[in-house]
């Protein structure tokens, strides 16, 4: 299953700069270390935004969780990186209750080969 309406997905700049690529964010710094290792940079957030949007369109959702807030989709697959590699990543998206547009929540390293 693909992320519904992935072509309209939203990735907020602050989510990238202040969280996903922030080496000082309490919960995000481990993720930042991972993504910075593939050439993503907080001073060039558009590269990460475009990679996440492409990731959401090109890969399948491996889990779907419904709640009173909306539906969360976890998408897994290769993420095109600035250094030319494509690490397997899981990205999480939510479609708010009553809405249709997926919003980026987080991303993190996916399972290693064979897991």
PDB file of N, CA and C in Angstrom:
ATOM      1  N   UNK A   1       0.839  -1.174   0.000  1.00  0.00           N
ATOM      2  CA  UNK A   1       0.000   0.000   0.000  1.00  0.00           C
ATOM      3  C   UNK A   1       0.892   1.248   0.000  1.00  0.00           C
ATOM      4  N   UNK A   2       0.514   2.205  -0.799  1.00  0.00           N
ATOM      5  CA  UNK A   2       1.248   3.468  -0.865  1.00  0.00           C
ATOM      6  C   UNK A   2       0.584   4.501   0.048  1.00  0.00           C
ATOM      7  N   UNK A   3       1.357   5.520   0.422  1.00  0.00           N
ATOM      8  CA  UNK A   3       0.836   6.622   1.222  1.00  0.00           C
ATOM      9  C   UNK A   3      -0.220   7.353   0.403  1.00  0.00           C
ATOM     10  N   UNK A   4      -1.459   7.430   0.885  1.00  0.00           N
ATOM     11  CA  UNK A   4      -2.496   8.144   0.130  1.00  0.00           C
ATOM     12  C   UNK A   4      -2.127   9.616  -0.065  1.00  0.00           C
ATOM     13  N   UNK A   5      -2.401  10.122  -1.248  1.00  0.00           N
ATOM     14  CA  UNK A   5      -2.178  11.533  -1.594  1.00  0.00           C
ATOM     15  C   UNK A   5      -0.733  11.972  -1.366  1.00  0.00           C
ATOM     16  N   UNK A   6       0.211  11.073  -1.585  1.00  0.00           N
ATOM     17  CA  UNK A   6       1.633  11.392  -1.378  1.00  0.00           C
ATOM     18  C   UNK A   6       2.074  12.579  -2.227  1.00  0.00           C
ATOM     19  N   UNK A   7       1.451  12.762  -3.359  1.00  0.00           N
ATOM     20  CA  UNK A   7       1.823  13.884  -4.239  1.00  0.00           C
ATOM     21  C   UNK A   7       1.505  15.242  -3.606  1.00  0.00           C
ATOM     22  N   UNK A   8       0.688  15.254  -2.568  1.00  0.00           N
ATOM     23  CA  UNK A   8       0.333  16.502  -1.872  1.00  0.00           C
ATOM     24  C   UNK A   8       0.959  16.594  -0.476  1.00  0.00           C
ATOM     25  N   UNK A   9       1.870  15.687  -0.161  1.00  0.00           N
ATOM     26  CA  UNK A   9       2.451  15.618   1.184  1.00  0.00           C
ATOM     27  C   UNK A   9       3.183  16.911   1.554  1.00  0.00           C
ATOM     28  N   UNK A  10       3.196  17.177   2.858  1.00  0.00           N
ATOM     29  CA  UNK A  10       3.810  18.393   3.409  1.00  0.00           C
ATOM     30  C   UNK A  10       4.969  18.007   4.322  1.00  0.00           C
ATOM     31  N   UNK A  11       6.119  18.658   4.104  1.00  0.00           N
ATOM     32  CA  UNK A  11       7.276  18.513   4.983  1.00  0.00           C
ATOM     33  C   UNK A  11       7.663  19.926   5.409  1.00  0.00           C
ATOM     34  N   UNK A  12       7.481  20.235   6.689  1.00  0.00           N
ATOM     35  CA  UNK A  12       7.780  21.576   7.190  1.00  0.00           C
ATOM     36  C   UNK A  12       9.285  21.770   7.354  1.00  0.00           C
ATOM     37  N   UNK A  13       9.767  22.936   6.933  1.00  0.00           N
ATOM     38  CA  UNK A  13      11.190  23.276   7.003  1.00  0.00           C
ATOM     39  C   UNK A  13      11.712  23.162   8.437  1.00  0.00           C
ATOM     40  N   UNK A  14      10.967  23.693   9.405  1.00  0.00           N
ATOM     41  CA  UNK A  14      11.405  23.644  10.798  1.00  0.00           C
ATOM     42  C   UNK A  14      11.578  22.219  11.299  1.00  0.00           C
ATOM     43  N   UNK A  15      10.759  21.312  10.820  1.00  0.00           N
ATOM     44  CA  UNK A  15      10.861  19.911  11.233  1.00  0.00           C
ATOM     45  C   UNK A  15      12.207  19.325  10.801  1.00  0.00           C
ATOM     46  N   UNK A  16      12.700  19.784   9.662  1.00  0.00           N
ATOM     47  CA  UNK A  16      13.995  19.325   9.171  1.00  0.00           C
ATOM     48  C   UNK A  16      15.127  20.018   9.923  1.00  0.00           C
ATOM     49  N   UNK A  17      15.088  21.345   9.960  1.00  0.00           N
ATOM     50  CA  UNK A  17      16.194  22.136  10.511  1.00  0.00           C
ATOM     51  C   UNK A  17      16.294  22.026  12.029  1.00  0.00           C
ATOM     52  N   UNK A  18      15.171  22.104  12.719  1.00  0.00           N
ATOM     53  CA  UNK A  18      15.195  22.141  14.184  1.00  0.00           C
ATOM     54  C   UNK A  18      15.054  20.778  14.848  1.00  0.00           C
ATOM     55  N   UNK A  19      14.833  19.742  14.043  1.00  0.00           N
ATOM     56  CA  UNK A  19      14.645  18.413  14.627  1.00  0.00           C
ATOM     57  C   UNK A  19      15.489  17.355  13.912  1.00  0.00           C
ATOM     58  N   UNK A  20      15.126  17.053  12.686  1.00  0.00           N
ATOM     59  CA  UNK A  20      15.721  15.911  12.002  1.00  0.00           C
ATOM     60  C   UNK A  20      17.208  16.083  11.718  1.00  0.00           C
ATOM     61  N   UNK A  21      17.659  17.298  11.444  1.00  0.00           N
ATOM     62  CA  UNK A  21      19.073  17.540  11.155  1.00  0.00           C
ATOM     63  C   UNK A  21      19.751  18.371  12.241  1.00  0.00           C
ATOM     64  N   UNK A  22      19.153  18.419  13.422  1.00  0.00           N
ATOM     65  CA  UNK A  22      19.712  19.202  14.523  1.00  0.00           C
ATOM     66  C   UNK A  22      20.578  18.326  15.428  1.00  0.00           C
ATOM     67  N   UNK A  23      21.851  18.669  15.510  1.00  0.00           N
ATOM     68  CA  UNK A  23      22.759  17.944  16.386  1.00  0.00           C
ATOM     69  C   UNK A  23      22.569  18.271  17.851  1.00  0.00           C
ATOM     70  N   UNK A  24      21.714  19.257  18.162  1.00  0.00           N
ATOM     71  CA  UNK A  24      21.497  19.654  19.553  1.00  0.00           C
ATOM     72  C   UNK A  24      20.112  19.278  20.074  1.00  0.00           C
ATOM     73  N   UNK A  25      19.221  18.828  19.214  1.00  0.00           N
ATOM     74  CA  UNK A  25      17.871  18.457  19.650  1.00  0.00           C
ATOM     75  C   UNK A  25      17.941  17.186  20.492  1.00  0.00           C
ATOM     76  N   UNK A  26      17.316  17.203  21.644  1.00  0.00           N
ATOM     77  CA  UNK A  26      17.372  16.088  22.580  1.00  0.00           C
ATOM     78  C   UNK A  26      16.979  14.758  21.932  1.00  0.00           C
ATOM     79  N   UNK A  27      15.877  14.746  21.204  1.00  0.00           N
ATOM     80  CA  UNK A  27      15.392  13.497  20.613  1.00  0.00           C
ATOM     81  C   UNK A  27      15.863  13.301  19.181  1.00  0.00           C
ATOM     82  N   UNK A  28      16.282  14.381  18.517  1.00  0.00           N
ATOM     83  CA  UNK A  28      16.636  14.281  17.109  1.00  0.00           C
ATOM     84  C   UNK A  28      18.109  14.127  16.805  1.00  0.00           C
ATOM     85  N   UNK A  29      18.974  14.336  17.780  1.00  0.00           N
ATOM     86  CA  UNK A  29      20.407  14.372  17.454  1.00  0.00           C
ATOM     87  C   UNK A  29      20.959  13.051  16.939  1.00  0.00           C
ATOM     88  N   UNK A  30      20.433  11.930  17.398  1.00  0.00           N
ATOM     89  CA  UNK A  30      20.873  10.637  16.865  1.00  0.00           C
ATOM     90  C   UNK A  30      20.476  10.475  15.408  1.00  0.00           C
ATOM     91  N   UNK A  31      19.281  10.922  15.086  1.00  0.00           N
ATOM     92  CA  UNK A  31      18.818  10.882  13.703  1.00  0.00           C
ATOM     93  C   UNK A  31      19.665  11.817  12.853  1.00  0.00           C
ATOM     94  N   UNK A  32      19.975  12.985  13.417  1.00  0.00           N
ATOM     95  CA  UNK A  32      20.789  13.958  12.687  1.00  0.00           C
ATOM     96  C   UNK A  32      22.139  13.351  12.334  1.00  0.00           C
ATOM     97  N   UNK A  33      22.755  12.670  13.280  1.00  0.00           N
ATOM     98  CA  UNK A  33      24.057  12.055  13.033  1.00  0.00           C
ATOM     99  C   UNK A  33      23.962  11.085  11.849  1.00  0.00           C
ATOM    100  N   UNK A  34      22.903  10.295  11.825  1.00  0.00           N
ATOM    101  CA  UNK A  34      22.686   9.347  10.729  1.00  0.00           C
ATOM    102  C   UNK A  34      22.544  10.082   9.393  1.00  0.00           C
ATOM    103  N   UNK A  35      21.631  11.046   9.315  1.00  0.00           N
ATOM    104  CA  UNK A  35      21.356  11.731   8.048  1.00  0.00           C
ATOM    105  C   UNK A  35      22.515  12.625   7.601  1.00  0.00           C
ATOM    106  N   UNK A  36      23.208  13.263   8.531  1.00  0.00           N
ATOM    107  CA  UNK A  36      24.369  14.078   8.176  1.00  0.00           C
ATOM    108  C   UNK A  36      25.454  13.206   7.544  1.00  0.00           C
ATOM    109  N   UNK A  37      25.534  11.966   7.962  1.00  0.00           N
ATOM    110  CA  UNK A  37      26.506  11.028   7.401  1.00  0.00           C
ATOM    111  C   UNK A  37      26.267  10.689   5.945  1.00  0.00           C
ATOM    112  N   UNK A  38      25.104  11.014   5.429  1.00  0.00           N
ATOM    113  CA  UNK A  38      24.769  10.772   4.028  1.00  0.00           C
ATOM    114  C   UNK A  38      24.758  12.065   3.208  1.00  0.00           C
ATOM    115  N   UNK A  39      25.249  13.148   3.820  1.00  0.00           N
ATOM    116  CA  UNK A  39      25.396  14.397   3.080  1.00  0.00           C
ATOM    117  C   UNK A  39      24.274  15.399   3.236  1.00  0.00           C
ATOM    118  N   UNK A  40      23.248  15.086   4.012  1.00  0.00           N
ATOM    119  CA  UNK A  40      22.195  16.071   4.268  1.00  0.00           C
ATOM    120  C   UNK A  40      22.750  17.138   5.200  1.00  0.00           C
ATOM    121  N   UNK A  41      22.311  18.383   5.052  1.00  0.00           N
ATOM    122  CA  UNK A  41      22.807  19.499   5.856  1.00  0.00           C
ATOM    123  C   UNK A  41      21.656  20.408   6.271  1.00  0.00           C
ATOM    124  N   UNK A  42      21.680  20.886   7.520  1.00  0.00           N
ATOM    125  CA  UNK A  42      20.610  21.795   7.974  1.00  0.00           C
ATOM    126  C   UNK A  42      20.596  23.115   7.210  1.00  0.00           C
ATOM    127  N   UNK A  43      21.732  23.538   6.678  1.00  0.00           N
ATOM    128  CA  UNK A  43      21.762  24.788   5.916  1.00  0.00           C
ATOM    129  C   UNK A  43      21.230  24.609   4.482  1.00  0.00           C
ATOM    130  N   UNK A  44      20.933  23.372   4.107  1.00  0.00           N
ATOM    131  CA  UNK A  44      20.345  23.073   2.797  1.00  0.00           C
ATOM    132  C   UNK A  44      19.155  22.134   2.992  1.00  0.00           C
ATOM    133  N   UNK A  45      18.116  22.592   3.710  1.00  0.00           N
ATOM    134  CA  UNK A  45      16.994  21.702   4.061  1.00  0.00           C
ATOM    135  C   UNK A  45      16.170  21.226   2.872  1.00  0.00           C
ATOM    136  N   UNK A  46      16.230  21.941   1.770  1.00  0.00           N
ATOM    137  CA  UNK A  46      15.422  21.560   0.603  1.00  0.00           C
ATOM    138  C   UNK A  46      15.822  20.176   0.077  1.00  0.00           C
ATOM    139  N   UNK A  47      17.097  19.829   0.175  1.00  0.00           N
ATOM    140  CA  UNK A  47      17.534  18.503  -0.278  1.00  0.00           C
ATOM    141  C   UNK A  47      16.858  17.402   0.541  1.00  0.00           C
ATOM    142  N   UNK A  48      16.771  17.598   1.840  1.00  0.00           N
ATOM    143  CA  UNK A  48      16.102  16.622   2.706  1.00  0.00           C
ATOM    144  C   UNK A  48      14.605  16.602   2.430  1.00  0.00           C
ATOM    145  N   UNK A  49      14.019  17.771   2.272  1.00  0.00           N
ATOM    146  CA  UNK A  49      12.582  17.847   1.988  1.00  0.00           C
ATOM    147  C   UNK A  49      12.244  17.092   0.708  1.00  0.00           C
ATOM    148  N   UNK A  50      12.991  17.339  -0.351  1.00  0.00           N
ATOM    149  CA  UNK A  50      12.732  16.671  -1.627  1.00  0.00           C
ATOM    150  C   UNK A  50      12.957  15.162  -1.529  1.00  0.00           C
ATOM    151  N   UNK A  51      14.000  14.757  -0.804  1.00  0.00           N
ATOM    152  CA  UNK A  51      14.269  13.320  -0.637  1.00  0.00           C
ATOM    153  C   UNK A  51      13.122  12.636   0.112  1.00  0.00           C
ATOM    154  N   UNK A  52      12.612  13.283   1.154  1.00  0.00           N
ATOM    155  CA  UNK A  52      11.497  12.710   1.919  1.00  0.00           C
ATOM    156  C   UNK A  52      10.230  12.623   1.072  1.00  0.00           C
ATOM    157  N   UNK A  53       9.970  13.645   0.277  1.00  0.00           N
ATOM    158  CA  UNK A  53       8.793  13.613  -0.593  1.00  0.00           C
ATOM    159  C   UNK A  53       8.919  12.495  -1.627  1.00  0.00           C
ATOM    160  N   UNK A  54      10.102  12.343  -2.203  1.00  0.00           N
ATOM    161  CA  UNK A  54      10.327  11.270  -3.166  1.00  0.00           C
ATOM    162  C   UNK A  54      10.180   9.912  -2.482  1.00  0.00           C
ATOM    163  N   UNK A  55      10.725   9.802  -1.287  1.00  0.00           N
ATOM    164  CA  UNK A  55      10.621   8.564  -0.496  1.00  0.00           C
ATOM    165  C   UNK A  55       9.152   8.187  -0.267  1.00  0.00           C
ATOM    166  N   UNK A  56       8.339   9.164   0.089  1.00  0.00           N
ATOM    167  CA  UNK A  56       6.919   8.916   0.365  1.00  0.00           C
ATOM    168  C   UNK A  56       6.176   8.448  -0.881  1.00  0.00           C
ATOM    169  N   UNK A  57       6.559   8.949  -2.039  1.00  0.00           N
ATOM    170  CA  UNK A  57       5.876   8.580  -3.289  1.00  0.00           C
ATOM    171  C   UNK A  57       6.332   7.232  -3.832  1.00  0.00           C
ATOM    172  N   UNK A  58       7.600   6.876  -3.599  1.00  0.00           N
ATOM    173  CA  UNK A  58       8.203   5.729  -4.267  1.00  0.00           C
ATOM    174  C   UNK A  58       8.145   4.418  -3.483  1.00  0.00           C
ATOM    175  N   UNK A  59       7.808   4.487  -2.191  1.00  0.00           N
ATOM    176  CA  UNK A  59       7.896   3.290  -1.347  1.00  0.00           C
ATOM    177  C   UNK A  59       6.555   2.951  -0.701  1.00  0.00           C
ATOM    178  N   UNK A  60       6.462   1.711  -0.260  1.00  0.00           N
ATOM    179  CA  UNK A  60       5.226   1.229   0.359  1.00  0.00           C
ATOM    180  C   UNK A  60       5.166   1.569   1.841  1.00  0.00           C
ATOM    181  N   UNK A  61       3.951   1.712   2.330  1.00  0.00           N
ATOM    182  CA  UNK A  61       3.710   1.834   3.769  1.00  0.00           C
ATOM    183  C   UNK A  61       3.788   0.428   4.358  1.00  0.00           C
ATOM    184  N   UNK A  62       4.617   0.270   5.389  1.00  0.00           N
ATOM    185  CA  UNK A  62       4.772  -1.041   6.013  1.00  0.00           C
ATOM    186  C   UNK A  62       3.879  -1.190   7.238  1.00  0.00           C
ATOM    187  N   UNK A  63       3.316  -0.060   7.704  1.00  0.00           N
ATOM    188  CA  UNK A  63       2.335  -0.143   8.786  1.00  0.00           C
ATOM    189  C   UNK A  63       1.404   1.064   8.725  1.00  0.00           C
ATOM    190  N   UNK A  64       0.203   0.832   9.227  1.00  0.00           N
ATOM    191  CA  UNK A  64      -0.835   1.863   9.289  1.00  0.00           C
ATOM    192  C   UNK A  64      -1.450   1.787  10.674  1.00  0.00           C
ATOM    193  N   UNK A  65      -1.538   2.942  11.340  1.00  0.00           N
ATOM    194  CA  UNK A  65      -2.103   2.977  12.688  1.00  0.00           C
ATOM    195  C   UNK A  65      -3.152   4.091  12.749  1.00  0.00           C
ATOM    196  N   UNK A  66      -4.378   3.714  13.094  1.00  0.00           N
ATOM    197  CA  UNK A  66      -5.465   4.679  13.199  1.00  0.00           C
ATOM    198  C   UNK A  66      -5.681   5.068  14.657  1.00  0.00           C
ATOM    199  N   UNK A  67      -5.946   6.354  14.885  1.00  0.00           N
ATOM    200  CA  UNK A  67      -6.258   6.841  16.231  1.00  0.00           C
ATOM    201  C   UNK A  67      -7.276   7.956  16.115  1.00  0.00           C
ATOM    202  N   UNK A  68      -7.633   8.537  17.250  1.00  0.00           N
ATOM    203  CA  UNK A  68      -8.601   9.644  17.225  1.00  0.00           C
ATOM    204  C   UNK A  68      -8.016  10.891  16.560  1.00  0.00           C
ATOM    205  N   UNK A  69      -6.690  10.950  16.429  1.00  0.00           N
ATOM    206  CA  UNK A  69      -6.032  12.105  15.813  1.00  0.00           C
ATOM    207  C   UNK A  69      -5.947  12.001  14.299  1.00  0.00           C
ATOM    208  N   UNK A  70      -5.960  10.789  13.797  1.00  0.00           N
ATOM    209  CA  UNK A  70      -5.818  10.565  12.362  1.00  0.00           C
ATOM    210  C   UNK A  70      -5.187   9.222  12.096  1.00  0.00           C
ATOM    211  N   UNK A  71      -4.630   9.065  10.902  1.00  0.00           N
ATOM    212  CA  UNK A  71      -4.013   7.808  10.505  1.00  0.00           C
ATOM    213  C   UNK A  71      -2.538   8.040  10.231  1.00  0.00           C
ATOM    214  N   UNK A  72      -1.681   7.260  10.923  1.00  0.00           N
ATOM    215  CA  UNK A  72      -0.230   7.338  10.721  1.00  0.00           C
ATOM    216  C   UNK A  72       0.197   6.208   9.807  1.00  0.00           C
ATOM    217  N   UNK A  73       1.047   6.569   8.867  1.00  0.00           N
ATOM    218  CA  UNK A  73       1.606   5.617   7.911  1.00  0.00           C
ATOM    219  C   UNK A  73       3.120   5.595   8.089  1.00  0.00           C
ATOM    220  N   UNK A  74       3.691   4.413   8.180  1.00  0.00           N
ATOM    221  CA  UNK A  74       5.149   4.265   8.205  1.00  0.00           C
ATOM    222  C   UNK A  74       5.565   3.724   6.849  1.00  0.00           C
ATOM    223  N   UNK A  75       6.367   4.513   6.147  1.00  0.00           N
ATOM    224  CA  UNK A  75       6.839   4.178   4.804  1.00  0.00           C
ATOM    225  C   UNK A  75       8.289   3.727   4.918  1.00  0.00           C
ATOM    226  N   UNK A  76       8.635   2.641   4.247  1.00  0.00           N
ATOM    227  CA  UNK A  76       9.993   2.119   4.325  1.00  0.00           C
ATOM    228  C   UNK A  76      10.571   1.911   2.932  1.00  0.00           C
ATOM    229  N   UNK A  77      11.827   2.310   2.777  1.00  0.00           N
ATOM    230  CA  UNK A  77      12.520   2.088   1.516  1.00  0.00           C
ATOM    231  C   UNK A  77      13.739   2.971   1.415  1.00  0.00           C
ATOM    232  N   UNK A  78      14.423   2.934   0.268  1.00  0.00           N
ATOM    233  CA  UNK A  78      15.622   3.742   0.084  1.00  0.00           C
ATOM    234  C   UNK A  78      15.292   5.231   0.017  1.00  0.00           C
ATOM    235  N   UNK A  79      16.159   6.024   0.636  1.00  0.00           N
ATOM    236  CA  UNK A  79      16.033   7.487   0.622  1.00  0.00           C
ATOM    237  C   UNK A  79      17.193   8.035  -0.199  1.00  0.00           C
ATOM    238  N   UNK A  80      16.918   8.709  -1.315  1.00  0.00           N
ATOM    239  CA  UNK A  80      18.017   9.243  -2.122  1.00  0.00           C
ATOM    240  C   UNK A  80      18.779  10.319  -1.342  1.00  0.00           C
ATOM    241  N   UNK A  81      20.094  10.119  -1.187  1.00  0.00           N
ATOM    242  CA  UNK A  81      20.910  11.025  -0.381  1.00  0.00           C
ATOM    243  C   UNK A  81      21.848  11.852  -1.264  1.00  0.00           C
ATOM    244  N   UNK A  82      22.255  13.023  -0.766  1.00  0.00           N
ATOM    245  CA  UNK A  82      23.155  13.894  -1.538  1.00  0.00           C
ATOM    246  C   UNK A  82      24.486  13.244  -1.910  1.00  0.00           C
ATOM    247  N   UNK A  83      24.958  12.288  -1.116  1.00  0.00           N
ATOM    248  CA  UNK A  83      26.246  11.666  -1.419  1.00  0.00           C
ATOM    249  C   UNK A  83      26.127  10.517  -2.425  1.00  0.00           C
ATOM    250  N   UNK A  84      24.922  10.300  -2.961  1.00  0.00           N
ATOM    251  CA  UNK A  84      24.714   9.278  -3.971  1.00  0.00           C
ATOM    252  C   UNK A  84      24.266   7.930  -3.432  1.00  0.00           C
ATOM    253  N   UNK A  85      24.333   7.749  -2.137  1.00  0.00           N
ATOM    254  CA  UNK A  85      23.854   6.495  -1.553  1.00  0.00           C
ATOM    255  C   UNK A  85      22.346   6.593  -1.317  1.00  0.00           C
ATOM    256  N   UNK A  86      21.754   5.488  -0.930  1.00  0.00           N
ATOM    257  CA  UNK A  86      20.312   5.452  -0.674  1.00  0.00           C
ATOM    258  C   UNK A  86      20.037   4.538   0.515  1.00  0.00           C
ATOM    259  N   UNK A  87      20.247   5.048   1.743  1.00  0.00           N
ATOM    260  CA  UNK A  87      20.013   4.204   2.923  1.00  0.00           C
ATOM    261  C   UNK A  87      18.537   3.852   3.067  1.00  0.00           C
ATOM    262  N   UNK A  88      18.283   2.679   3.620  1.00  0.00           N
ATOM    263  CA  UNK A  88      16.904   2.289   3.912  1.00  0.00           C
ATOM    264  C   UNK A  88      16.452   3.078   5.135  1.00  0.00           C
ATOM    265  N   UNK A  89      15.329   3.743   4.973  1.00  0.00           N
ATOM    266  CA  UNK A  89      14.800   4.643   5.996  1.00  0.00           C
ATOM    267  C   UNK A  89      13.323   4.359   6.185  1.00  0.00           C
ATOM    268  N   UNK A  90      12.859   4.609   7.391  1.00  0.00           N
ATOM    269  CA  UNK A  90      11.420   4.613   7.664  1.00  0.00           C
ATOM    270  C   UNK A  90      11.012   6.054   7.914  1.00  0.00           C
ATOM    271  N   UNK A  91       9.974   6.485   7.225  1.00  0.00           N
ATOM    272  CA  UNK A  91       9.427   7.821   7.465  1.00  0.00           C
ATOM    273  C   UNK A  91       7.987   7.653   7.942  1.00  0.00           C
ATOM    274  N   UNK A  92       7.579   8.536   8.828  1.00  0.00           N
ATOM    275  CA  UNK A  92       6.237   8.463   9.401  1.00  0.00           C
ATOM    276  C   UNK A  92       5.466   9.702   8.959  1.00  0.00           C
ATOM    277  N   UNK A  93       4.248   9.480   8.530  1.00  0.00           N
ATOM    278  CA  UNK A  93       3.369  10.530   8.020  1.00  0.00           C
ATOM    279  C   UNK A  93       2.017  10.391   8.698  1.00  0.00           C
ATOM    280  N   UNK A  94       1.330  11.508   8.902  1.00  0.00           N
ATOM    281  CA  UNK A  94      -0.021  11.451   9.464  1.00  0.00           C
ATOM    282  C   UNK A  94      -0.985  12.191   8.550  1.00  0.00           C
ATOM    283  N   UNK A  95      -2.149  11.609   8.404  1.00  0.00           N
ATOM    284  CA  UNK A  95      -3.273  12.291   7.766  1.00  0.00           C
ATOM    285  C   UNK A  95      -4.263  12.538   8.884  1.00  0.00           C
ATOM    286  N   UNK A  96      -4.436  13.820   9.218  1.00  0.00           N
ATOM    287  CA  UNK A  96      -5.304  14.185  10.333  1.00  0.00           C
ATOM    288  C   UNK A  96      -6.728  13.704  10.113  1.00  0.00           C
ATOM    289  N   UNK A  97      -7.403  13.406  11.221  1.00  0.00           N
ATOM    290  CA  UNK A  97      -8.798  12.978  11.181  1.00  0.00           C
ATOM    291  C   UNK A  97      -9.605  13.971  10.347  1.00  0.00           C
ATOM    292  N   UNK A  98     -10.296  13.476   9.347  1.00  0.00           N
ATOM    293  CA  UNK A  98     -11.116  14.317   8.483  1.00  0.00           C
ATOM    294  C   UNK A  98     -10.334  14.998   7.369  1.00  0.00           C
ATOM    295  N   UNK A  99      -9.022  14.818   7.341  1.00  0.00           N
ATOM    296  CA  UNK A  99      -8.189  15.442   6.318  1.00  0.00           C
ATOM    297  C   UNK A  99      -7.802  14.471   5.226  1.00  0.00           C
ATOM    298  N   UNK A 100      -7.037  14.982   4.262  1.00  0.00           N
ATOM    299  CA  UNK A 100      -6.578  14.147   3.149  1.00  0.00           C
ATOM    300  C   UNK A 100      -5.095  14.325   2.857  1.00  0.00           C
ATOM    301  N   UNK A 101      -4.459  15.319   3.488  1.00  0.00           N
ATOM    302  CA  UNK A 101      -3.073  15.649   3.167  1.00  0.00           C
ATOM    303  C   UNK A 101      -2.111  15.038   4.179  1.00  0.00           C
ATOM    304  N   UNK A 102      -1.167  14.221   3.722  1.00  0.00           N
ATOM    305  CA  UNK A 102      -0.180  13.659   4.644  1.00  0.00           C
ATOM    306  C   UNK A 102       0.828  14.719   5.086  1.00  0.00           C
ATOM    307  N   UNK A 103       1.142  14.711   6.379  1.00  0.00           N
ATOM    308  CA  UNK A 103       2.164  15.606   6.948  1.00  0.00           C
ATOM    309  C   UNK A 103       3.289  14.750   7.503  1.00  0.00           C
ATOM    310  N   UNK A 104       4.513  15.185   7.265  1.00  0.00           N
ATOM    311  CA  UNK A 104       5.690  14.481   7.759  1.00  0.00           C
ATOM    312  C   UNK A 104       5.761  14.582   9.278  1.00  0.00           C
ATOM    313  N   UNK A 105       6.035  13.449   9.936  1.00  0.00           N
ATOM    314  CA  UNK A 105       6.180  13.402  11.385  1.00  0.00           C
ATOM    315  C   UNK A 105       7.644  13.196  11.765  1.00  0.00           C
ATOM    316  N   UNK A 106       8.258  12.133  11.258  1.00  0.00           N
ATOM    317  CA  UNK A 106       9.653  11.832  11.587  1.00  0.00           C
ATOM    318  C   UNK A 106      10.221  10.842  10.582  1.00  0.00           C
ATOM    319  N   UNK A 107      11.518  10.627  10.683  1.00  0.00           N
ATOM    320  CA  UNK A 107      12.192   9.604   9.884  1.00  0.00           C
ATOM    321  C   UNK A 107      13.338   9.046  10.715  1.00  0.00           C
ATOM    322  N   UNK A 108      13.696   7.811  10.443  1.00  0.00           N
ATOM    323  CA  UNK A 108      14.768   7.171  11.177  1.00  0.00           C
ATOM    324  C   UNK A 108      15.317   6.016  10.347  1.00  0.00           C
ATOM    325  N   UNK A 109      16.518   5.534  10.691  1.00  0.00           N
ATOM    326  CA  UNK A 109      17.088   4.418   9.933  1.00  0.00           C
ATOM    327  C   UNK A 109      16.155   3.216   9.925  1.00  0.00           C
ATOM    328  N   UNK A 110      16.060   2.591   8.782  1.00  0.00           N
ATOM    329  CA  UNK A 110      15.254   1.384   8.652  1.00  0.00           C
ATOM    330  C   UNK A 110      16.045   0.160   9.068  1.00  0.00           C
ATOM    331  N   UNK A 111      15.454  -0.996   8.947  1.00  0.00           N
ATOM    332  CA  UNK A 111      16.171  -2.215   9.331  1.00  0.00           C
ATOM    333  C   UNK A 111      17.353  -2.457   8.399  1.00  0.00           C
ATOM    334  N   UNK A 112      18.371  -3.054   8.966  1.00  0.00           N
ATOM    335  CA  UNK A 112      19.551  -3.394   8.153  1.00  0.00           C
ATOM    336  C   UNK A 112      19.222  -4.600   7.278  1.00  0.00           C
ATOM    337  N   UNK A 113      20.052  -4.816   6.268  1.00  0.00           N
ATOM    338  CA  UNK A 113      19.871  -5.938   5.361  1.00  0.00           C
ATOM    339  C   UNK A 113      19.698  -7.232   6.148  1.00  0.00           C
ATOM    340  N   UNK A 114      18.644  -7.981   5.843  1.00  0.00           N
ATOM    341  CA  UNK A 114      18.413  -9.260   6.496  1.00  0.00           C
ATOM    342  C   UNK A 114      17.572  -9.199   7.752  1.00  0.00           C
ATOM    343  N   UNK A 115      17.220  -7.989   8.223  1.00  0.00           N
ATOM    344  CA  UNK A 115      16.397  -7.874   9.445  1.00  0.00           C
ATOM    345  C   UNK A 115      14.937  -7.915   9.108  1.00  0.00           C
TER     346      UNK A 115
END
